[in-house]
Amino acid sequence: MDADLRYSIEQFTHEESFLETLRRRVVEAYQAKPTGCGGSFGELLCHELHRGGPHQTGLTFTQLAEKWGISVSLLGELICDHCRRMESLRVNHDYLP
């Protein structure tokens, strides 16, 4: 999956921002290899940070950035963007044990 998320500037359109394109590409990459956690970007992000990795204990930011083929700084931008989107929504985290 790592190679599927590699990106170039030519791969995003003027209709969506770079972060939106990257979010979409993450979701598309997981459609081919579903995790069973859901298909939205937020569900995938939470899965990887809380349940990802070989021992299902969660990936570090560095590990997730490597898996997605992006820098840790760009992963931070994606997480920040995700959090901003969630500020106006009520999120239910009761599904976590």
PDB file of N, CA and C in Angstrom:
ATOM      1  N   MET A   1       0.825  -1.194   0.000  1.00  0.00           N
ATOM      2  CA  MET A   1       0.000   0.000   0.000  1.00  0.00           C
ATOM      3  C   MET A   1       0.865   1.252   0.000  1.00  0.00           C
ATOM      4  N   ASP A   2       2.068   1.191   0.522  1.00  0.00           N
ATOM      5  CA  ASP A   2       2.896   2.379   0.631  1.00  0.00           C
ATOM      6  C   ASP A   2       3.050   3.110  -0.694  1.00  0.00           C
ATOM      7  N   ALA A   3       3.349   2.364  -1.748  1.00  0.00           N
ATOM      8  CA  ALA A   3       3.571   2.993  -3.041  1.00  0.00           C
ATOM      9  C   ALA A   3       2.296   3.637  -3.575  1.00  0.00           C
ATOM     10  N   ASP A   4       1.135   3.123  -3.204  1.00  0.00           N
ATOM     11  CA  ASP A   4      -0.129   3.672  -3.681  1.00  0.00           C
ATOM     12  C   ASP A   4      -0.369   5.086  -3.169  1.00  0.00           C
ATOM     13  N   LEU A   5       0.200   5.421  -2.030  1.00  0.00           N
ATOM     14  CA  LEU A   5      -0.050   6.738  -1.447  1.00  0.00           C
ATOM     15  C   LEU A   5       1.011   7.762  -1.822  1.00  0.00           C
ATOM     16  N   ARG A   6       2.047   7.341  -2.488  1.00  0.00           N
ATOM     17  CA  ARG A   6       3.041   8.310  -2.941  1.00  0.00           C
ATOM     18  C   ARG A   6       2.323   9.295  -3.854  1.00  0.00           C
ATOM     19  N   TYR A   7       2.703  10.532  -3.778  1.00  0.00           N
ATOM     20  CA  TYR A   7       1.968  11.538  -4.514  1.00  0.00           C
ATOM     21  C   TYR A   7       2.929  12.468  -5.223  1.00  0.00           C
ATOM     22  N   SER A   8       2.415  13.156  -6.169  1.00  0.00           N
ATOM     23  CA  SER A   8       3.175  14.213  -6.818  1.00  0.00           C
ATOM     24  C   SER A   8       2.246  15.404  -6.998  1.00  0.00           C
ATOM     25  N   ILE A   9       2.807  16.518  -7.254  1.00  0.00           N
ATOM     26  CA  ILE A   9       2.037  17.747  -7.374  1.00  0.00           C
ATOM     27  C   ILE A   9       1.034  17.642  -8.519  1.00  0.00           C
ATOM     28  N   GLU A  10       1.319  16.833  -9.528  1.00  0.00           N
ATOM     29  CA  GLU A  10       0.428  16.703 -10.675  1.00  0.00           C
ATOM     30  C   GLU A  10      -0.834  15.928 -10.334  1.00  0.00           C
ATOM     31  N   GLN A  11      -0.867  15.220  -9.221  1.00  0.00           N
ATOM     32  CA  GLN A  11      -1.981  14.344  -8.913  1.00  0.00           C
ATOM     33  C   GLN A  11      -3.139  15.049  -8.222  1.00  0.00           C
ATOM     34  N   PHE A  12      -3.011  16.308  -7.897  1.00  0.00           N
ATOM     35  CA  PHE A  12      -4.172  16.964  -7.300  1.00  0.00           C
ATOM     36  C   PHE A  12      -4.721  17.999  -8.272  1.00  0.00           C
ATOM     37  N   THR A  13      -6.004  18.234  -8.148  1.00  0.00           N
ATOM     38  CA  THR A  13      -6.687  19.114  -9.093  1.00  0.00           C
ATOM     39  C   THR A  13      -6.883  20.488  -8.479  1.00  0.00           C
ATOM     40  N   HIS A  14      -7.279  21.411  -9.295  1.00  0.00           N
ATOM     41  CA  HIS A  14      -7.543  22.764  -8.799  1.00  0.00           C
ATOM     42  C   HIS A  14      -8.876  22.837  -8.073  1.00  0.00           C
ATOM     43  N   GLU A  15      -9.722  21.810  -8.241  1.00  0.00           N
ATOM     44  CA  GLU A  15     -11.015  21.810  -7.579  1.00  0.00           C
ATOM     45  C   GLU A  15     -10.912  21.439  -6.100  1.00  0.00           C
ATOM     46  N   GLU A  16      -9.871  20.728  -5.731  1.00  0.00           N
ATOM     47  CA  GLU A  16      -9.710  20.363  -4.319  1.00  0.00           C
ATOM     48  C   GLU A  16      -8.299  20.733  -3.875  1.00  0.00           C
ATOM     49  N   SER A  17      -8.158  21.003  -2.598  1.00  0.00           N
ATOM     50  CA  SER A  17      -6.859  21.405  -2.073  1.00  0.00           C
ATOM     51  C   SER A  17      -5.925  20.198  -2.012  1.00  0.00           C
ATOM     52  N   PHE A  18      -4.677  20.467  -1.780  1.00  0.00           N
ATOM     53  CA  PHE A  18      -3.683  19.399  -1.661  1.00  0.00           C
ATOM     54  C   PHE A  18      -4.053  18.450  -0.518  1.00  0.00           C
ATOM     55  N   LEU A  19      -4.454  18.990   0.639  1.00  0.00           N
ATOM     56  CA  LEU A  19      -4.829  18.137   1.768  1.00  0.00           C
ATOM     57  C   LEU A  19      -6.071  17.320   1.449  1.00  0.00           C
ATOM     58  N   GLU A  20      -7.047  17.920   0.763  1.00  0.00           N
ATOM     59  CA  GLU A  20      -8.240  17.158   0.379  1.00  0.00           C
ATOM     60  C   GLU A  20      -7.877  16.024  -0.569  1.00  0.00           C
ATOM     61  N   THR A  21      -6.971  16.293  -1.505  1.00  0.00           N
ATOM     62  CA  THR A  21      -6.530  15.258  -2.437  1.00  0.00           C
ATOM     63  C   THR A  21      -5.833  14.139  -1.681  1.00  0.00           C
ATOM     64  N   LEU A  22      -4.983  14.498  -0.746  1.00  0.00           N
ATOM     65  CA  LEU A  22      -4.263  13.486   0.020  1.00  0.00           C
ATOM     66  C   LEU A  22      -5.221  12.659   0.867  1.00  0.00           C
ATOM     67  N   ARG A  23      -6.189  13.315   1.504  1.00  0.00           N
ATOM     68  CA  ARG A  23      -7.210  12.592   2.277  1.00  0.00           C
ATOM     69  C   ARG A  23      -7.950  11.595   1.380  1.00  0.00           C
ATOM     70  N   ARG A  24      -8.338  12.041   0.193  1.00  0.00           N
ATOM     71  CA  ARG A  24      -9.058  11.177  -0.744  1.00  0.00           C
ATOM     72  C   ARG A  24      -8.190   9.993  -1.168  1.00  0.00           C
ATOM     73  N   ARG A  25      -6.916  10.243  -1.419  1.00  0.00           N
ATOM     74  CA  ARG A  25      -6.015   9.165  -1.843  1.00  0.00           C
ATOM     75  C   ARG A  25      -5.795   8.145  -0.722  1.00  0.00           C
ATOM     76  N   VAL A  26      -5.768   8.602   0.516  1.00  0.00           N
ATOM     77  CA  VAL A  26      -5.671   7.667   1.648  1.00  0.00           C
ATOM     78  C   VAL A  26      -6.899   6.761   1.657  1.00  0.00           C
ATOM     79  N   VAL A  27      -8.075   7.357   1.567  1.00  0.00           N
ATOM     80  CA  VAL A  27      -9.319   6.572   1.572  1.00  0.00           C
ATOM     81  C   VAL A  27      -9.335   5.594   0.410  1.00  0.00           C
ATOM     82  N   GLU A  28      -8.948   6.045  -0.769  1.00  0.00           N
ATOM     83  CA  GLU A  28      -8.936   5.170  -1.943  1.00  0.00           C
ATOM     84  C   GLU A  28      -7.973   4.002  -1.766  1.00  0.00           C
ATOM     85  N   ALA A  29      -6.818   4.253  -1.170  1.00  0.00           N
ATOM     86  CA  ALA A  29      -5.839   3.189  -0.960  1.00  0.00           C
ATOM     87  C   ALA A  29      -6.374   2.111  -0.024  1.00  0.00           C
ATOM     88  N   TYR A  30      -7.131   2.529   0.992  1.00  0.00           N
ATOM     89  CA  TYR A  30      -7.680   1.565   1.946  1.00  0.00           C
ATOM     90  C   TYR A  30      -8.889   0.822   1.385  1.00  0.00           C
ATOM     91  N   GLN A  31      -9.518   1.352   0.357  1.00  0.00           N
ATOM     92  CA  GLN A  31     -10.640   0.639  -0.259  1.00  0.00           C
ATOM     93  C   GLN A  31     -10.160  -0.684  -0.848  1.00  0.00           C
ATOM     94  N   ALA A  32      -8.942  -0.712  -1.334  1.00  0.00           N
ATOM     95  CA  ALA A  32      -8.381  -1.938  -1.899  1.00  0.00           C
ATOM     96  C   ALA A  32      -7.994  -2.932  -0.807  1.00  0.00           C
ATOM     97  N   LYS A  33      -7.662  -2.426   0.383  1.00  0.00           N
ATOM     98  CA  LYS A  33      -7.268  -3.266   1.516  1.00  0.00           C
ATOM     99  C   LYS A  33      -7.976  -2.770   2.771  1.00  0.00           C
ATOM    100  N   PRO A  34      -9.274  -3.067   2.917  1.00  0.00           N
ATOM    101  CA  PRO A  34     -10.046  -2.538   4.050  1.00  0.00           C
ATOM    102  C   PRO A  34      -9.520  -3.029   5.405  1.00  0.00           C
ATOM    103  N   THR A  35      -9.678  -2.188   6.399  1.00  0.00           N
ATOM    104  CA  THR A  35      -9.242  -2.528   7.761  1.00  0.00           C
ATOM    105  C   THR A  35     -10.383  -3.087   8.589  1.00  0.00           C
ATOM    106  N   GLY A  36     -11.616  -2.879   8.148  1.00  0.00           N
ATOM    107  CA  GLY A  36     -12.780  -3.295   8.920  1.00  0.00           C
ATOM    108  C   GLY A  36     -13.211  -2.254   9.934  1.00  0.00           C
ATOM    109  N   CYS A  37     -12.555  -1.104   9.946  1.00  0.00           N
ATOM    110  CA  CYS A  37     -12.863  -0.057  10.926  1.00  0.00           C
ATOM    111  C   CYS A  37     -13.789   1.009  10.371  1.00  0.00           C
ATOM    112  N   GLY A  38     -14.078   0.949   9.115  1.00  0.00           N
ATOM    113  CA  GLY A  38     -14.854   1.990   8.456  1.00  0.00           C
ATOM    114  C   GLY A  38     -14.037   2.574   7.331  1.00  0.00           C
ATOM    115  N   GLY A  39     -14.668   3.388   6.513  1.00  0.00           N
ATOM    116  CA  GLY A  39     -13.981   3.857   5.331  1.00  0.00           C
ATOM    117  C   GLY A  39     -13.708   5.336   5.250  1.00  0.00           C
ATOM    118  N   SER A  40     -14.093   6.103   6.268  1.00  0.00           N
ATOM    119  CA  SER A  40     -13.827   7.543   6.206  1.00  0.00           C
ATOM    120  C   SER A  40     -12.380   7.813   6.601  1.00  0.00           C
ATOM    121  N   PHE A  41     -11.892   8.978   6.220  1.00  0.00           N
ATOM    122  CA  PHE A  41     -10.521   9.331   6.567  1.00  0.00           C
ATOM    123  C   PHE A  41     -10.321   9.318   8.083  1.00  0.00           C
ATOM    124  N   GLY A  42     -11.270   9.882   8.816  1.00  0.00           N
ATOM    125  CA  GLY A  42     -11.157   9.931  10.273  1.00  0.00           C
ATOM    126  C   GLY A  42     -11.108   8.558  10.903  1.00  0.00           C
ATOM    127  N   GLU A  43     -11.949   7.649  10.403  1.00  0.00           N
ATOM    128  CA  GLU A  43     -11.940   6.278  10.933  1.00  0.00           C
ATOM    129  C   GLU A  43     -10.611   5.586  10.636  1.00  0.00           C
ATOM    130  N   LEU A  44     -10.083   5.805   9.436  1.00  0.00           N
ATOM    131  CA  LEU A  44      -8.804   5.192   9.073  1.00  0.00           C
ATOM    132  C   LEU A  44      -7.654   5.770   9.896  1.00  0.00           C
ATOM    133  N   LEU A  45      -7.660   7.086  10.067  1.00  0.00           N
ATOM    134  CA  LEU A  45      -6.629   7.742  10.873  1.00  0.00           C
ATOM    135  C   LEU A  45      -6.651   7.214  12.307  1.00  0.00           C
ATOM    136  N   CYS A  46      -7.827   7.176  12.915  1.00  0.00           N
ATOM    137  CA  CYS A  46      -7.947   6.684  14.289  1.00  0.00           C
ATOM    138  C   CYS A  46      -7.539   5.225  14.394  1.00  0.00           C
ATOM    139  N   HIS A  47      -7.943   4.428  13.409  1.00  0.00           N
ATOM    140  CA  HIS A  47      -7.559   3.012  13.415  1.00  0.00           C
ATOM    141  C   HIS A  47      -6.047   2.874  13.424  1.00  0.00           C
ATOM    142  N   GLU A  48      -5.383   3.572  12.537  1.00  0.00           N
ATOM    143  CA  GLU A  48      -3.925   3.443  12.446  1.00  0.00           C
ATOM    144  C   GLU A  48      -3.232   3.941  13.713  1.00  0.00           C
ATOM    145  N   LEU A  49      -3.714   5.020  14.294  1.00  0.00           N
ATOM    146  CA  LEU A  49      -3.060   5.570  15.483  1.00  0.00           C
ATOM    147  C   LEU A  49      -3.374   4.779  16.751  1.00  0.00           C
ATOM    148  N   HIS A  50      -4.531   4.124  16.794  1.00  0.00           N
ATOM    149  CA  HIS A  50      -4.927   3.404  18.003  1.00  0.00           C
ATOM    150  C   HIS A  50      -4.849   1.892  17.878  1.00  0.00           C
ATOM    151  N   ARG A  51      -4.967   1.368  16.662  1.00  0.00           N
ATOM    152  CA  ARG A  51      -5.017  -0.087  16.468  1.00  0.00           C
ATOM    153  C   ARG A  51      -4.072  -0.604  15.397  1.00  0.00           C
ATOM    154  N   GLY A  52      -3.387   0.275  14.687  1.00  0.00           N
ATOM    155  CA  GLY A  52      -2.519  -0.145  13.590  1.00  0.00           C
ATOM    156  C   GLY A  52      -1.244  -0.810  14.086  1.00  0.00           C
ATOM    157  N   GLY A  53      -0.497  -1.334  13.150  1.00  0.00           N
ATOM    158  CA  GLY A  53       0.789  -1.944  13.467  1.00  0.00           C
ATOM    159  C   GLY A  53       0.683  -3.435  13.706  1.00  0.00           C
ATOM    160  N   PRO A  54       1.832  -4.078  13.785  1.00  0.00           N
ATOM    161  CA  PRO A  54       1.860  -5.542  13.891  1.00  0.00           C
ATOM    162  C   PRO A  54       1.238  -6.079  15.179  1.00  0.00           C
ATOM    163  N   HIS A  55       1.268  -5.314  16.242  1.00  0.00           N
ATOM    164  CA  HIS A  55       0.721  -5.772  17.526  1.00  0.00           C
ATOM    165  C   HIS A  55      -0.616  -5.105  17.845  1.00  0.00           C
ATOM    166  N   GLN A  56      -1.145  -4.383  16.883  1.00  0.00           N
ATOM    167  CA  GLN A  56      -2.415  -3.668  17.013  1.00  0.00           C
ATOM    168  C   GLN A  56      -2.440  -2.741  18.221  1.00  0.00           C
ATOM    169  N   THR A  57      -1.307  -2.125  18.510  1.00  0.00           N
ATOM    170  CA  THR A  57      -1.219  -1.168  19.611  1.00  0.00           C
ATOM    171  C   THR A  57      -1.169   0.267  19.107  1.00  0.00           C
ATOM    172  N   GLY A  58      -1.217   0.441  17.804  1.00  0.00           N
ATOM    173  CA  GLY A  58      -1.181   1.779  17.219  1.00  0.00           C
ATOM    174  C   GLY A  58       0.186   2.119  16.670  1.00  0.00           C
ATOM    175  N   LEU A  59       0.173   2.870  15.594  1.00  0.00           N
ATOM    176  CA  LEU A  59       1.408   3.321  14.974  1.00  0.00           C
ATOM    177  C   LEU A  59       1.813   4.669  15.554  1.00  0.00           C
ATOM    178  N   THR A  60       3.091   4.933  15.584  1.00  0.00           N
ATOM    179  CA  THR A  60       3.584   6.263  15.942  1.00  0.00           C
ATOM    180  C   THR A  60       3.351   7.175  14.746  1.00  0.00           C
ATOM    181  N   PHE A  61       3.487   8.466  14.957  1.00  0.00           N
ATOM    182  CA  PHE A  61       3.356   9.407  13.841  1.00  0.00           C
ATOM    183  C   PHE A  61       4.408   9.095  12.770  1.00  0.00           C
ATOM    184  N   THR A  62       5.607   8.786  13.190  1.00  0.00           N
ATOM    185  CA  THR A  62       6.676   8.473  12.242  1.00  0.00           C
ATOM    186  C   THR A  62       6.335   7.223  11.436  1.00  0.00           C
ATOM    187  N   GLN A  63       5.848   6.192  12.109  1.00  0.00           N
ATOM    188  CA  GLN A  63       5.491   4.953  11.409  1.00  0.00           C
ATOM    189  C   GLN A  63       4.344   5.183  10.422  1.00  0.00           C
ATOM    190  N   LEU A  64       3.335   5.945  10.835  1.00  0.00           N
ATOM    191  CA  LEU A  64       2.206   6.193   9.955  1.00  0.00           C
ATOM    192  C   LEU A  64       2.627   7.043   8.762  1.00  0.00           C
ATOM    193  N   ALA A  65       3.454   8.040   8.992  1.00  0.00           N
ATOM    194  CA  ALA A  65       3.955   8.861   7.884  1.00  0.00           C
ATOM    195  C   ALA A  65       4.723   7.993   6.888  1.00  0.00           C
ATOM    196  N   GLU A  66       5.545   7.082   7.395  1.00  0.00           N
ATOM    197  CA  GLU A  66       6.280   6.172   6.510  1.00  0.00           C
ATOM    198  C   GLU A  66       5.318   5.270   5.745  1.00  0.00           C
ATOM    199  N   LYS A  67       4.310   4.752   6.419  1.00  0.00           N
ATOM    200  CA  LYS A  67       3.341   3.868   5.770  1.00  0.00           C
ATOM    201  C   LYS A  67       2.606   4.597   4.647  1.00  0.00           C
ATOM    202  N   TRP A  68       2.246   5.850   4.883  1.00  0.00           N
ATOM    203  CA  TRP A  68       1.510   6.619   3.898  1.00  0.00           C
ATOM    204  C   TRP A  68       2.422   7.305   2.888  1.00  0.00           C
ATOM    205  N   GLY A  69       3.728   7.226   3.089  1.00  0.00           N
ATOM    206  CA  GLY A  69       4.671   7.803   2.141  1.00  0.00           C
ATOM    207  C   GLY A  69       4.708   9.316   2.156  1.00  0.00           C
ATOM    208  N   ILE A  70       4.517   9.903   3.345  1.00  0.00           N
ATOM    209  CA  ILE A  70       4.526  11.358   3.487  1.00  0.00           C
ATOM    210  C   ILE A  70       5.453  11.732   4.642  1.00  0.00           C
ATOM    211  N   SER A  71       5.736  13.005   4.778  1.00  0.00           N
ATOM    212  CA  SER A  71       6.568  13.466   5.890  1.00  0.00           C
ATOM    213  C   SER A  71       5.742  13.523   7.174  1.00  0.00           C
ATOM    214  N   VAL A  72       6.418  13.509   8.302  1.00  0.00           N
ATOM    215  CA  VAL A  72       5.736  13.647   9.588  1.00  0.00           C
ATOM    216  C   VAL A  72       5.057  15.019   9.666  1.00  0.00           C
ATOM    217  N   SER A  73       5.682  16.031   9.112  1.00  0.00           N
ATOM    218  CA  SER A  73       5.079  17.377   9.105  1.00  0.00           C
ATOM    219  C   SER A  73       3.769  17.382   8.327  1.00  0.00           C
ATOM    220  N   LEU A  74       3.741  16.718   7.179  1.00  0.00           N
ATOM    221  CA  LEU A  74       2.516  16.659   6.397  1.00  0.00           C
ATOM    222  C   LEU A  74       1.457  15.838   7.124  1.00  0.00           C
ATOM    223  N   LEU A  75       1.849  14.766   7.789  1.00  0.00           N
ATOM    224  CA  LEU A  75       0.897  14.010   8.605  1.00  0.00           C
ATOM    225  C   LEU A  75       0.309  14.920   9.677  1.00  0.00           C
ATOM    226  N   GLY A  76       1.141  15.744  10.288  1.00  0.00           N
ATOM    227  CA  GLY A  76       0.650  16.701  11.286  1.00  0.00           C
ATOM    228  C   GLY A  76      -0.368  17.661  10.697  1.00  0.00           C
ATOM    229  N   GLU A  77      -0.142  18.112   9.468  1.00  0.00           N
ATOM    230  CA  GLU A  77      -1.105  18.985   8.788  1.00  0.00           C
ATOM    231  C   GLU A  77      -2.423  18.255   8.567  1.00  0.00           C
ATOM    232  N   LEU A  78      -2.349  16.979   8.166  1.00  0.00           N
ATOM    233  CA  LEU A  78      -3.565  16.193   7.962  1.00  0.00           C
ATOM    234  C   LEU A  78      -4.335  16.016   9.263  1.00  0.00           C
ATOM    235  N   ILE A  79      -3.621  15.735  10.342  1.00  0.00           N
ATOM    236  CA  ILE A  79      -4.264  15.558  11.646  1.00  0.00           C
ATOM    237  C   ILE A  79      -4.888  16.873  12.109  1.00  0.00           C
ATOM    238  N   CYS A  80      -4.176  17.970  11.941  1.00  0.00           N
ATOM    239  CA  CYS A  80      -4.695  19.287  12.319  1.00  0.00           C
ATOM    240  C   CYS A  80      -5.945  19.612  11.507  1.00  0.00           C
ATOM    241  N   ASP A  81      -5.907  19.349  10.204  1.00  0.00           N
ATOM    242  CA  ASP A  81      -7.058  19.579   9.342  1.00  0.00           C
ATOM    243  C   ASP A  81      -8.239  18.718   9.791  1.00  0.00           C
ATOM    244  N   HIS A  82      -7.976  17.466  10.140  1.00  0.00           N
ATOM    245  CA  HIS A  82      -9.022  16.569  10.614  1.00  0.00           C
ATOM    246  C   HIS A  82      -9.638  17.110  11.911  1.00  0.00           C
ATOM    247  N   CYS A  83      -8.806  17.560  12.830  1.00  0.00           N
ATOM    248  CA  CYS A  83      -9.303  18.092  14.105  1.00  0.00           C
ATOM    249  C   CYS A  83     -10.146  19.345  13.890  1.00  0.00           C
ATOM    250  N   ARG A  84      -9.734  20.219  12.989  1.00  0.00           N
ATOM    251  CA  ARG A  84     -10.527  21.425  12.692  1.00  0.00           C
ATOM    252  C   ARG A  84     -11.899  21.054  12.160  1.00  0.00           C
ATOM    253  N   ARG A  85     -11.946  20.026  11.317  1.00  0.00           N
ATOM    254  CA  ARG A  85     -13.222  19.582  10.762  1.00  0.00           C
ATOM    255  C   ARG A  85     -14.116  19.002  11.854  1.00  0.00           C
ATOM    256  N   MET A  86     -13.529  18.412  12.869  1.00  0.00           N
ATOM    257  CA  MET A  86     -14.287  17.766  13.938  1.00  0.00           C
ATOM    258  C   MET A  86     -14.755  18.737  15.013  1.00  0.00           C
ATOM    259  N   GLU A  87     -14.170  19.932  15.072  1.00  0.00           N
ATOM    260  CA  GLU A  87     -14.512  20.883  16.128  1.00  0.00           C
ATOM    261  C   GLU A  87     -15.998  21.193  16.188  1.00  0.00           C
ATOM    262  N   SER A  88     -16.643  21.264  15.032  1.00  0.00           N
ATOM    263  CA  SER A  88     -18.059  21.625  15.019  1.00  0.00           C
ATOM    264  C   SER A  88     -18.974  20.408  15.143  1.00  0.00           C
ATOM    265  N   LEU A  89     -18.399  19.224  15.129  1.00  0.00           N
ATOM    266  CA  LEU A  89     -19.196  17.999  15.218  1.00  0.00           C
ATOM    267  C   LEU A  89     -19.064  17.361  16.588  1.00  0.00           C
ATOM    268  N   ARG A  90     -20.095  16.679  16.992  1.00  0.00           N
ATOM    269  CA  ARG A  90     -20.020  15.891  18.213  1.00  0.00           C
ATOM    270  C   ARG A  90     -19.555  14.485  17.815  1.00  0.00           C
ATOM    271  N   VAL A  91     -18.413  14.064  18.325  1.00  0.00           N
ATOM    272  CA  VAL A  91     -17.829  12.790  17.929  1.00  0.00           C
ATOM    273  C   VAL A  91     -18.027  11.782  19.051  1.00  0.00           C
ATOM    274  N   ASN A  92     -18.489  10.586  18.715  1.00  0.00           N
ATOM    275  CA  ASN A  92     -18.702   9.518  19.679  1.00  0.00           C
ATOM    276  C   ASN A  92     -17.512   8.568  19.655  1.00  0.00           C
ATOM    277  N   HIS A  93     -16.747   8.552  20.715  1.00  0.00           N
ATOM    278  CA  HIS A  93     -15.598   7.643  20.821  1.00  0.00           C
ATOM    279  C   HIS A  93     -15.923   6.443  21.703  1.00  0.00           C
ATOM    280  N   ASP A  94     -17.198   6.202  21.987  1.00  0.00           N
ATOM    281  CA  ASP A  94     -17.608   5.100  22.865  1.00  0.00           C
ATOM    282  C   ASP A  94     -17.284   3.730  22.284  1.00  0.00           C
ATOM    283  N   TYR A  95     -17.019   3.648  20.977  1.00  0.00           N
ATOM    284  CA  TYR A  95     -16.737   2.356  20.370  1.00  0.00           C
ATOM    285  C   TYR A  95     -15.375   1.810  20.786  1.00  0.00           C
ATOM    286  N   LEU A  96     -14.506   2.679  21.308  1.00  0.00           N
ATOM    287  CA  LEU A  96     -13.190   2.199  21.766  1.00  0.00           C
ATOM    288  C   LEU A  96     -13.328   1.494  23.102  1.00  0.00           C
ATOM    289  N   PRO A  97     -12.670   0.340  23.247  1.00  0.00           N
ATOM    290  CA  PRO A  97     -12.760  -0.395  24.521  1.00  0.00           C
ATOM    291  C   PRO A  97     -12.064   0.308  25.656  1.00  0.00           C
TER     292      PRO A  97
END
